[in-house]
């Protein structure tokens, strides 16, 4: 049986603050920069 609809209905909804962060361009830019810096650090150290 396929319970996809039931599973989706039981899934938790994001909070208002989570939705606000997801739509905030400044927050998204910061996350993008931080992630790229982590990748750059990992690559330059050679610990990947």
Protein backbone atom coordinates (compact mmCIF):
# COMPACT_ATOMS: atom_id res chain seq x y z
CA UNK A 1 0.00 0.00 0.00
CA UNK A 2 1.05 3.56 -0.70
CA UNK A 3 0.86 5.78 2.39
CA UNK A 4 2.52 8.82 0.84
CA UNK A 5 -0.43 11.12 1.52
CA UNK A 6 -0.61 10.03 5.16
CA UNK A 7 3.14 10.46 5.59
CA UNK A 8 3.03 13.98 4.15
CA UNK A 9 0.08 14.91 6.35
CA UNK A 10 2.01 13.78 9.46
CA UNK A 11 5.17 15.71 8.55
CA UNK A 12 5.99 18.66 10.81
CA UNK A 13 5.46 22.14 9.37
CA UNK A 14 8.26 24.72 9.53
CA UNK A 15 7.93 27.47 12.10
CA UNK A 16 7.42 31.11 11.18
CA UNK A 17 11.03 31.96 12.00
CA UNK A 18 12.29 29.09 9.84
CA UNK A 19 10.24 30.30 6.89
CA UNK A 20 11.49 33.86 7.43
CA UNK A 21 15.12 32.68 7.40
CA UNK A 22 14.58 30.64 4.25
CA UNK A 23 13.21 33.70 2.44
CA UNK A 24 15.81 36.17 3.76
CA UNK A 25 18.33 36.98 1.02
CA UNK A 26 21.00 38.19 3.50
CA UNK A 27 20.75 35.02 5.56
CA UNK A 28 20.96 32.86 2.42
CA UNK A 29 23.99 34.80 1.17
CA UNK A 30 25.71 34.32 4.54
CA UNK A 31 25.03 30.57 4.47
CA UNK A 32 26.35 30.36 0.90
CA UNK A 33 29.56 32.17 1.83
CA UNK A 34 30.05 30.10 4.98
CA UNK A 35 29.57 26.83 3.10
CA UNK A 36 32.02 27.86 0.39
CA UNK A 37 34.59 28.84 3.01
CA UNK A 38 34.21 25.44 4.65
CA UNK A 39 34.76 23.73 1.30
CA UNK A 40 37.74 25.95 0.53
CA UNK A 41 39.30 25.19 3.92
CA UNK A 42 38.77 21.46 3.49
CA UNK A 43 40.27 21.45 0.00
CA UNK A 44 43.32 23.54 0.90
CA UNK A 45 44.07 21.41 3.98
CA UNK A 46 43.80 18.24 1.92
CA UNK A 47 41.72 16.43 4.56
CA UNK A 48 38.94 15.37 2.23
